[in-house]
Structures are given as C-alpha cells and as structure tokens.
Amino acid sequence: DLHRLLETRAYAVQWNDLAFLVVARDGDVGC
C-alpha cells in the first residue's frame, strides 16, 4: 500500500505483532 500510495520503495522490519514501515523517496537514500 505504501509503495503504491507514495510511488516509492517501501520496507518493513517486523517483530511479532509490531512493525516499522519505512519509505524513502530518493533512490540512493532508499538503498
């Protein structure tokens, strides 16, 4: 959803029932 909404790379780090969703617009920053 984040990838589609913001048109950028989207990532998540998950532990049990918690996650941190991360997006970066710039390709270098995203990498």
Full PDB file with SEQRES, HELIX, SHEET, SSBOND, CRYST1, ORIGX, SCALE, CONECT and MASTER records, all heavy atoms in Angstrom:
SEQRES   1 A   31  ASP LEU HIS ARG LEU LEU GLU THR ARG ALA TYR ALA VAL          
SEQRES   2 A   31  GLN TRP ASN ASP LEU ALA PHE LEU VAL VAL ALA ARG ASP          
SEQRES   3 A   31  GLY ASP VAL GLY CYS                                          
HELIX    1 AA1 LEU A    2  LEU A    6  1                                   5    
HELIX    2 AA2 GLY A   27  GLY A   30  1                                   4    
SHEET    1 AA1 2 ARG A   9  TRP A  15  0                                        
SHEET    2 AA1 2 LEU A  18  ALA A  24 -1                                        
CRYST1    1.000    1.000    1.000  90.00  90.00  90.00 P 1           1          
ORIGX1      1.000000  0.000000  0.000000        0.00000                         
ORIGX2      0.000000  1.000000  0.000000        0.00000                         
ORIGX3      0.000000  0.000000  1.000000        0.00000                         
SCALE1      1.000000  0.000000  0.000000        0.00000                         
SCALE2      0.000000  1.000000  0.000000        0.00000                         
SCALE3      0.000000  0.000000  1.000000        0.00000                         
ATOM      1  N   ASP A   1       0.833  -1.213   0.000  1.00  0.00           N  
ATOM      2  CA  ASP A   1       0.000   0.000   0.000  1.00  0.00           C  
ATOM      3  C   ASP A   1       0.861   1.254   0.000  1.00  0.00           C  
ATOM      4  O   ASP A   1       0.586   2.208  -0.734  1.00  0.00           O  
ATOM      5  CB  ASP A   1      -0.929   0.020   1.214  1.00  0.00           C  
ATOM      6  CG  ASP A   1      -2.077  -0.969   1.121  1.00  0.00           C  
ATOM      7  OD1 ASP A   1      -2.283  -1.564   0.040  1.00  0.00           O  
ATOM      8  OD2 ASP A   1      -2.757  -1.166   2.148  1.00  0.00           O  
ATOM      9  N   LEU A   2       1.896   1.276   0.827  1.00  0.00           N  
ATOM     10  CA  LEU A   2       2.775   2.448   0.881  1.00  0.00           C  
ATOM     11  C   LEU A   2       3.507   2.645  -0.439  1.00  0.00           C  
ATOM     12  O   LEU A   2       3.643   3.772  -0.927  1.00  0.00           O  
ATOM     13  CB  LEU A   2       3.777   2.328   2.024  1.00  0.00           C  
ATOM     14  CG  LEU A   2       3.208   2.500   3.413  1.00  0.00           C  
ATOM     15  CD1 LEU A   2       4.278   2.257   4.468  1.00  0.00           C  
ATOM     16  CD2 LEU A   2       2.602   3.886   3.586  1.00  0.00           C  
ATOM     17  N   HIS A   3       3.980   1.568  -1.013  1.00  0.00           N  
ATOM     18  CA  HIS A   3       4.656   1.643  -2.314  1.00  0.00           C  
ATOM     19  C   HIS A   3       3.725   2.260  -3.361  1.00  0.00           C  
ATOM     20  O   HIS A   3       4.111   3.166  -4.101  1.00  0.00           O  
ATOM     21  CB  HIS A   3       5.107   0.250  -2.745  1.00  0.00           C  
ATOM     22  CG  HIS A   3       5.522   0.173  -4.172  1.00  0.00           C  
ATOM     23  ND1 HIS A   3       6.714   0.681  -4.625  1.00  0.00           N  
ATOM     24  CD2 HIS A   3       4.890  -0.350  -5.261  1.00  0.00           C  
ATOM     25  CE1 HIS A   3       6.807   0.482  -5.933  1.00  0.00           C  
ATOM     26  NE2 HIS A   3       5.716  -0.140  -6.328  1.00  0.00           N  
ATOM     27  N   ARG A   4       2.498   1.776  -3.407  1.00  0.00           N  
ATOM     28  CA  ARG A   4       1.529   2.250  -4.391  1.00  0.00           C  
ATOM     29  C   ARG A   4       1.108   3.705  -4.107  1.00  0.00           C  
ATOM     30  O   ARG A   4       1.070   4.537  -5.014  1.00  0.00           O  
ATOM     31  CB  ARG A   4       0.306   1.327  -4.396  1.00  0.00           C  
ATOM     32  CG  ARG A   4      -0.680   1.608  -5.498  1.00  0.00           C  
ATOM     33  CD  ARG A   4      -1.806   0.583  -5.579  1.00  0.00           C  
ATOM     34  NE  ARG A   4      -2.457   0.301  -4.307  1.00  0.00           N  
ATOM     35  CZ  ARG A   4      -2.234  -0.798  -3.576  1.00  0.00           C  
ATOM     36  NH1 ARG A   4      -1.375  -1.708  -3.969  1.00  0.00           N  
ATOM     37  NH2 ARG A   4      -2.871  -0.994  -2.442  1.00  0.00           N  
ATOM     38  N   LEU A   5       0.826   4.013  -2.862  1.00  0.00           N  
ATOM     39  CA  LEU A   5       0.362   5.348  -2.486  1.00  0.00           C  
ATOM     40  C   LEU A   5       1.423   6.420  -2.722  1.00  0.00           C  
ATOM     41  O   LEU A   5       1.135   7.492  -3.249  1.00  0.00           O  
ATOM     42  CB  LEU A   5      -0.047   5.373  -1.013  1.00  0.00           C  
ATOM     43  CG  LEU A   5      -0.458   6.727  -0.440  1.00  0.00           C  
ATOM     44  CD1 LEU A   5      -1.837   7.112  -0.955  1.00  0.00           C  
ATOM     45  CD2 LEU A   5      -0.434   6.697   1.075  1.00  0.00           C  
ATOM     46  N   LEU A   6       2.666   6.133  -2.324  1.00  0.00           N  
ATOM     47  CA  LEU A   6       3.725   7.136  -2.369  1.00  0.00           C  
ATOM     48  C   LEU A   6       4.643   6.976  -3.569  1.00  0.00           C  
ATOM     49  O   LEU A   6       5.553   7.784  -3.768  1.00  0.00           O  
ATOM     50  CB  LEU A   6       4.532   7.093  -1.069  1.00  0.00           C  
ATOM     51  CG  LEU A   6       3.694   7.290   0.199  1.00  0.00           C  
ATOM     52  CD1 LEU A   6       4.563   7.131   1.429  1.00  0.00           C  
ATOM     53  CD2 LEU A   6       2.980   8.632   0.192  1.00  0.00           C  
ATOM     54  N   GLU A   7       4.413   5.926  -4.353  1.00  0.00           N  
ATOM     55  CA  GLU A   7       5.193   5.672  -5.569  1.00  0.00           C  
ATOM     56  C   GLU A   7       6.691   5.650  -5.288  1.00  0.00           C  
ATOM     57  O   GLU A   7       7.480   6.329  -5.942  1.00  0.00           O  
ATOM     58  CB  GLU A   7       4.844   6.701  -6.646  1.00  0.00           C  
ATOM     59  CG  GLU A   7       3.384   6.657  -7.039  1.00  0.00           C  
ATOM     60  CD  GLU A   7       2.998   7.735  -8.024  1.00  0.00           C  
ATOM     61  OE1 GLU A   7       3.803   8.653  -8.286  1.00  0.00           O  
ATOM     62  OE2 GLU A   7       1.869   7.660  -8.536  1.00  0.00           O  
ATOM     63  N   THR A   8       7.061   4.866  -4.284  1.00  0.00           N  
ATOM     64  CA  THR A   8       8.460   4.758  -3.903  1.00  0.00           C  
ATOM     65  C   THR A   8       8.717   3.403  -3.274  1.00  0.00           C  
ATOM     66  O   THR A   8       7.782   2.643  -3.021  1.00  0.00           O  
ATOM     67  CB  THR A   8       8.842   5.888  -2.924  1.00  0.00           C  
ATOM     68  OG1 THR A   8      10.264   5.922  -2.777  1.00  0.00           O  
ATOM     69  CG2 THR A   8       8.176   5.715  -1.581  1.00  0.00           C  
ATOM     70  N   ARG A   9       9.964   3.122  -3.003  1.00  0.00           N  
ATOM     71  CA  ARG A   9      10.333   1.882  -2.325  1.00  0.00           C  
ATOM     72  C   ARG A   9       9.780   1.901  -0.905  1.00  0.00           C  
ATOM     73  O   ARG A   9       9.791   2.943  -0.257  1.00  0.00           O  
ATOM     74  CB  ARG A   9      11.845   1.766  -2.250  1.00  0.00           C  
ATOM     75  CG  ARG A   9      12.504   1.758  -3.592  1.00  0.00           C  
ATOM     76  CD  ARG A   9      13.998   2.001  -3.457  1.00  0.00           C  
ATOM     77  NE  ARG A   9      14.589   2.108  -4.756  1.00  0.00           N  
ATOM     78  CZ  ARG A   9      15.607   1.377  -5.164  1.00  0.00           C  
ATOM     79  NH1 ARG A   9      16.171   0.516  -4.355  1.00  0.00           N  
ATOM     80  NH2 ARG A   9      16.077   1.516  -6.376  1.00  0.00           N  
ATOM     81  N   ALA A  10       9.333   0.756  -0.451  1.00  0.00           N  
ATOM     82  CA  ALA A  10       8.785   0.655   0.906  1.00  0.00           C  
ATOM     83  C   ALA A  10       9.333  -0.599   1.569  1.00  0.00           C  
ATOM     84  O   ALA A  10       9.492  -1.638   0.921  1.00  0.00           O  
ATOM     85  CB  ALA A  10       7.258   0.610   0.860  1.00  0.00           C  
ATOM     86  N   TYR A  11       9.618  -0.481   2.856  1.00  0.00           N  
ATOM     87  CA  TYR A  11      10.238  -1.563   3.610  1.00  0.00           C  
ATOM     88  C   TYR A  11       9.538  -1.721   4.957  1.00  0.00           C  
ATOM     89  O   TYR A  11       8.901  -0.794   5.441  1.00  0.00           O  
ATOM     90  CB  TYR A  11      11.724  -1.259   3.876  1.00  0.00           C  
ATOM     91  CG  TYR A  11      12.473  -0.828   2.650  1.00  0.00           C  
ATOM     92  CD1 TYR A  11      12.714   0.512   2.392  1.00  0.00           C  
ATOM     93  CD2 TYR A  11      12.928  -1.777   1.736  1.00  0.00           C  
ATOM     94  CE1 TYR A  11      13.396   0.905   1.252  1.00  0.00           C  
ATOM     95  CE2 TYR A  11      13.619  -1.388   0.597  1.00  0.00           C  
ATOM     96  CZ  TYR A  11      13.846  -0.048   0.362  1.00  0.00           C  
ATOM     97  OH  TYR A  11      14.520   0.342  -0.765  1.00  0.00           O  
ATOM     98  N   ALA A  12       9.726  -2.884   5.563  1.00  0.00           N  
ATOM     99  CA  ALA A  12       9.218  -3.110   6.914  1.00  0.00           C  
ATOM    100  C   ALA A  12      10.175  -4.024   7.661  1.00  0.00           C  
ATOM    101  O   ALA A  12      10.726  -4.964   7.089  1.00  0.00           O  
ATOM    102  CB  ALA A  12       7.832  -3.744   6.880  1.00  0.00           C  
ATOM    103  N   VAL A  13      10.355  -3.712   8.929  1.00  0.00           N  
ATOM    104  CA  VAL A  13      11.043  -4.587   9.859  1.00  0.00           C  
ATOM    105  C   VAL A  13       9.985  -4.981  10.879  1.00  0.00           C  
ATOM    106  O   VAL A  13       9.322  -4.127  11.460  1.00  0.00           O  
ATOM    107  CB  VAL A  13      12.237  -3.876  10.542  1.00  0.00           C  
ATOM    108  CG1 VAL A  13      12.859  -4.764  11.586  1.00  0.00           C  
ATOM    109  CG2 VAL A  13      13.264  -3.477   9.495  1.00  0.00           C  
ATOM    110  N   GLN A  14       9.826  -6.293  11.071  1.00  0.00           N  
ATOM    111  CA  GLN A  14       8.733  -6.808  11.901  1.00  0.00           C  
ATOM    112  C   GLN A  14       9.261  -7.675  13.027  1.00  0.00           C  
ATOM    113  O   GLN A  14      10.156  -8.495  12.841  1.00  0.00           O  
ATOM    114  CB  GLN A  14       7.788  -7.631  11.036  1.00  0.00           C  
ATOM    115  CG  GLN A  14       6.703  -8.323  11.809  1.00  0.00           C  
ATOM    116  CD  GLN A  14       6.007  -9.389  10.989  1.00  0.00           C  
ATOM    117  OE1 GLN A  14       6.196  -9.501   9.789  1.00  0.00           O  
ATOM    118  NE2 GLN A  14       5.203 -10.197  11.655  1.00  0.00           N  
ATOM    119  N   TRP A  15       8.673  -7.497  14.181  1.00  0.00           N  
ATOM    120  CA  TRP A  15       8.918  -8.365  15.337  1.00  0.00           C  
ATOM    121  C   TRP A  15       7.569  -8.680  15.954  1.00  0.00           C  
ATOM    122  O   TRP A  15       6.860  -7.781  16.423  1.00  0.00           O  
ATOM    123  CB  TRP A  15       9.831  -7.678  16.351  1.00  0.00           C  
ATOM    124  CG  TRP A  15      10.095  -8.503  17.561  1.00  0.00           C  
ATOM    125  CD1 TRP A  15      10.881  -9.626  17.638  1.00  0.00           C  
ATOM    126  CD2 TRP A  15       9.565  -8.289  18.865  1.00  0.00           C  
ATOM    127  NE1 TRP A  15      10.875 -10.116  18.914  1.00  0.00           N  
ATOM    128  CE2 TRP A  15      10.061  -9.307  19.705  1.00  0.00           C  
ATOM    129  CE3 TRP A  15       8.710  -7.342  19.410  1.00  0.00           C  
ATOM    130  CZ2 TRP A  15       9.738  -9.404  21.039  1.00  0.00           C  
ATOM    131  CZ3 TRP A  15       8.391  -7.435  20.750  1.00  0.00           C  
ATOM    132  CH2 TRP A  15       8.909  -8.459  21.545  1.00  0.00           C  
ATOM    133  N   ASN A  16       7.178  -9.945  15.902  1.00  0.00           N  
ATOM    134  CA  ASN A  16       5.876 -10.391  16.411  1.00  0.00           C  
ATOM    135  C   ASN A  16       4.756  -9.547  15.822  1.00  0.00           C  
ATOM    136  O   ASN A  16       4.592  -9.503  14.624  1.00  0.00           O  
ATOM    137  CB  ASN A  16       5.850 -10.411  17.935  1.00  0.00           C  
ATOM    138  CG  ASN A  16       6.705 -11.524  18.495  1.00  0.00           C  
ATOM    139  OD1 ASN A  16       6.884 -12.557  17.869  1.00  0.00           O  
ATOM    140  ND2 ASN A  16       7.258 -11.312  19.678  1.00  0.00           N  
ATOM    141  N   ASP A  17       3.983  -8.845  16.677  1.00  0.00           N  
ATOM    142  CA  ASP A  17       2.837  -8.082  16.180  1.00  0.00           C  
ATOM    143  C   ASP A  17       3.140  -6.600  15.986  1.00  0.00           C  
ATOM    144  O   ASP A  17       2.230  -5.787  15.890  1.00  0.00           O  
ATOM    145  CB  ASP A  17       1.635  -8.251  17.114  1.00  0.00           C  
ATOM    146  CG  ASP A  17       1.865  -7.666  18.486  1.00  0.00           C  
ATOM    147  OD1 ASP A  17       3.035  -7.454  18.868  1.00  0.00           O  
ATOM    148  OD2 ASP A  17       0.866  -7.414  19.193  1.00  0.00           O  
ATOM    149  N   LEU A  18       4.430  -6.252  15.896  1.00  0.00           N  
ATOM    150  CA  LEU A  18       4.836  -4.860  15.685  1.00  0.00           C  
ATOM    151  C   LEU A  18       5.691  -4.755  14.435  1.00  0.00           C  
ATOM    152  O   LEU A  18       6.479  -5.650  14.130  1.00  0.00           O  
ATOM    153  CB  LEU A  18       5.646  -4.344  16.868  1.00  0.00           C  
ATOM    154  CG  LEU A  18       4.972  -4.384  18.224  1.00  0.00           C  
ATOM    155  CD1 LEU A  18       5.957  -3.946  19.296  1.00  0.00           C  
ATOM    156  CD2 LEU A  18       3.737  -3.508  18.242  1.00  0.00           C  
ATOM    157  N   ALA A  19       5.552  -3.651  13.739  1.00  0.00           N  
ATOM    158  CA  ALA A  19       6.383  -3.414  12.558  1.00  0.00           C  
ATOM    159  C   ALA A  19       6.703  -1.925  12.470  1.00  0.00           C  
ATOM    160  O   ALA A  19       5.947  -1.080  12.961  1.00  0.00           O  
ATOM    161  CB  ALA A  19       5.674  -3.863  11.291  1.00  0.00           C  
ATOM    162  N   PHE A  20       7.829  -1.650  11.867  1.00  0.00           N  
ATOM    163  CA  PHE A  20       8.179  -0.295  11.484  1.00  0.00           C  
ATOM    164  C   PHE A  20       8.169  -0.272   9.968  1.00  0.00           C  
ATOM    165  O   PHE A  20       8.891  -1.036   9.321  1.00  0.00           O  
ATOM    166  CB  PHE A  20       9.552   0.111  12.026  1.00  0.00           C  
ATOM    167  CG  PHE A  20       9.561   0.296  13.505  1.00  0.00           C  
ATOM    168  CD1 PHE A  20       9.933  -0.733  14.350  1.00  0.00           C  
ATOM    169  CD2 PHE A  20       9.169   1.510  14.063  1.00  0.00           C  
ATOM    170  CE1 PHE A  20       9.925  -0.558  15.727  1.00  0.00           C  
ATOM    171  CE2 PHE A  20       9.147   1.687  15.436  1.00  0.00           C  
ATOM    172  CZ  PHE A  20       9.530   0.642  16.269  1.00  0.00           C  
ATOM    173  N   LEU A  21       7.320   0.571   9.404  1.00  0.00           N  
ATOM    174  CA  LEU A  21       7.193   0.721   7.964  1.00  0.00           C  
ATOM    175  C   LEU A  21       8.042   1.917   7.555  1.00  0.00           C  
ATOM    176  O   LEU A  21       7.959   2.980   8.177  1.00  0.00           O  
ATOM    177  CB  LEU A  21       5.734   0.953   7.589  1.00  0.00           C  
ATOM    178  CG  LEU A  21       4.735  -0.060   8.168  1.00  0.00           C  
ATOM    179  CD1 LEU A  21       3.308   0.404   7.925  1.00  0.00           C  
ATOM    180  CD2 LEU A  21       4.971  -1.432   7.591  1.00  0.00           C  
ATOM    181  N   VAL A  22       8.843   1.762   6.528  1.00  0.00           N  
ATOM    182  CA  VAL A  22       9.821   2.785   6.160  1.00  0.00           C  
ATOM    183  C   VAL A  22       9.726   3.070   4.667  1.00  0.00           C  
ATOM    184  O   VAL A  22       9.703   2.142   3.855  1.00  0.00           O  
ATOM    185  CB  VAL A  22      11.247   2.323   6.521  1.00  0.00           C  
ATOM    186  CG1 VAL A  22      12.264   3.395   6.175  1.00  0.00           C  
ATOM    187  CG2 VAL A  22      11.351   1.935   7.991  1.00  0.00           C  
ATOM    188  N   VAL A  23       9.703   4.355   4.326  1.00  0.00           N  
ATOM    189  CA  VAL A  23       9.723   4.766   2.917  1.00  0.00           C  
ATOM    190  C   VAL A  23      10.734   5.897   2.734  1.00  0.00           C  
ATOM    191  O   VAL A  23      10.933   6.720   3.618  1.00  0.00           O  
ATOM    192  CB  VAL A  23       8.334   5.233   2.415  1.00  0.00           C  
ATOM    193  CG1 VAL A  23       7.380   4.072   2.294  1.00  0.00           C  
ATOM    194  CG2 VAL A  23       7.753   6.308   3.287  1.00  0.00           C  
ATOM    195  N   ALA A  24      11.375   5.867   1.575  1.00  0.00           N  
ATOM    196  CA  ALA A  24      12.323   6.918   1.200  1.00  0.00           C  
ATOM    197  C   ALA A  24      12.080   7.265  -0.258  1.00  0.00           C  
ATOM    198  O   ALA A  24      11.930   6.370  -1.095  1.00  0.00           O  
ATOM    199  CB  ALA A  24      13.758   6.436   1.402  1.00  0.00           C  
ATOM    200  N   ARG A  25      12.019   8.530  -0.565  1.00  0.00           N  
ATOM    201  CA  ARG A  25      11.731   8.977  -1.933  1.00  0.00           C  
ATOM    202  C   ARG A  25      12.955   8.842  -2.827  1.00  0.00           C  
ATOM    203  O   ARG A  25      12.873   8.374  -3.950  1.00  0.00           O  
ATOM    204  CB  ARG A  25      11.266  10.426  -1.893  1.00  0.00           C  
ATOM    205  CG  ARG A  25      10.897  10.951  -3.250  1.00  0.00           C  
ATOM    206  CD  ARG A  25      10.408  12.382  -3.191  1.00  0.00           C  
ATOM    207  NE  ARG A  25       9.245  12.455  -2.337  1.00  0.00           N  
ATOM    208  CZ  ARG A  25       8.944  13.512  -1.597  1.00  0.00           C  
ATOM    209  NH1 ARG A  25       9.706  14.563  -1.591  1.00  0.00           N  
ATOM    210  NH2 ARG A  25       7.866  13.511  -0.850  1.00  0.00           N  
ATOM    211  N   ASP A  26      14.097   9.266  -2.348  1.00  0.00           N  
ATOM    212  CA  ASP A  26      15.328   9.269  -3.126  1.00  0.00           C  
ATOM    213  C   ASP A  26      15.878   7.845  -3.247  1.00  0.00           C  
ATOM    214  O   ASP A  26      15.959   7.120  -2.249  1.00  0.00           O  
ATOM    215  CB  ASP A  26      16.355  10.175  -2.445  1.00  0.00           C  
ATOM    216  CG  ASP A  26      17.671  10.216  -3.183  1.00  0.00           C  
ATOM    217  OD1 ASP A  26      17.732  10.906  -4.222  1.00  0.00           O  
ATOM    218  OD2 ASP A  26      18.623   9.548  -2.738  1.00  0.00           O  
ATOM    219  N   GLY A  27      16.264   7.454  -4.450  1.00  0.00           N  
ATOM    220  CA  GLY A  27      16.755   6.101  -4.682  1.00  0.00           C  
ATOM    221  C   GLY A  27      17.999   5.763  -3.875  1.00  0.00           C  
ATOM    222  O   GLY A  27      18.103   4.668  -3.319  1.00  0.00           O  
ATOM    223  N   ASP A  28      18.953   6.689  -3.789  1.00  0.00           N  
ATOM    224  CA  ASP A  28      20.169   6.432  -3.018  1.00  0.00           C  
ATOM    225  C   ASP A  28      19.861   6.301  -1.527  1.00  0.00           C  
ATOM    226  O   ASP A  28      20.384   5.422  -0.851  1.00  0.00           O  
ATOM    227  CB  ASP A  28      21.213   7.535  -3.244  1.00  0.00           C  
ATOM    228  CG  ASP A  28      21.793   7.503  -4.651  1.00  0.00           C  
ATOM    229  OD1 ASP A  28      21.731   6.437  -5.298  1.00  0.00           O  
ATOM    230  OD2 ASP A  28      22.305   8.547  -5.096  1.00  0.00           O  
ATOM    231  N   VAL A  29      19.020   7.184  -1.030  1.00  0.00           N  
ATOM    232  CA  VAL A  29      18.630   7.114   0.378  1.00  0.00           C  
ATOM    233  C   VAL A  29      17.885   5.812   0.632  1.00  0.00           C  
ATOM    234  O   VAL A  29      18.105   5.132   1.635  1.00  0.00           O  
ATOM    235  CB  VAL A  29      17.768   8.340   0.785  1.00  0.00           C  
ATOM    236  CG1 VAL A  29      17.219   8.185   2.195  1.00  0.00           C  
ATOM    237  CG2 VAL A  29      18.573   9.625   0.663  1.00  0.00           C  
ATOM    238  N   GLY A  30      17.005   5.441  -0.294  1.00  0.00           N  
ATOM    239  CA  GLY A  30      16.266   4.193  -0.167  1.00  0.00           C  
ATOM    240  C   GLY A  30      17.185   2.985  -0.120  1.00  0.00           C  
ATOM    241  O   GLY A  30      16.988   2.069   0.683  1.00  0.00           O  
ATOM    242  N   CYS A  31      18.219   2.974  -0.967  1.00  0.00           N  
ATOM    243  CA  CYS A  31      19.176   1.857  -0.963  1.00  0.00           C  
ATOM    244  C   CYS A  31      19.948   1.796   0.351  1.00  0.00           C  
ATOM    245  O   CYS A  31      20.173   0.715   0.900  1.00  0.00           O  
ATOM    246  CB  CYS A  31      20.143   1.986  -2.138  1.00  0.00           C  
ATOM    247  SG  CYS A  31      19.380   1.596  -3.723  1.00  0.00           S  
TER     248      CYS A  31                                                      
MASTER        0    0    0    2    2    0    0    6  247    1    0    3          
END                                                                             
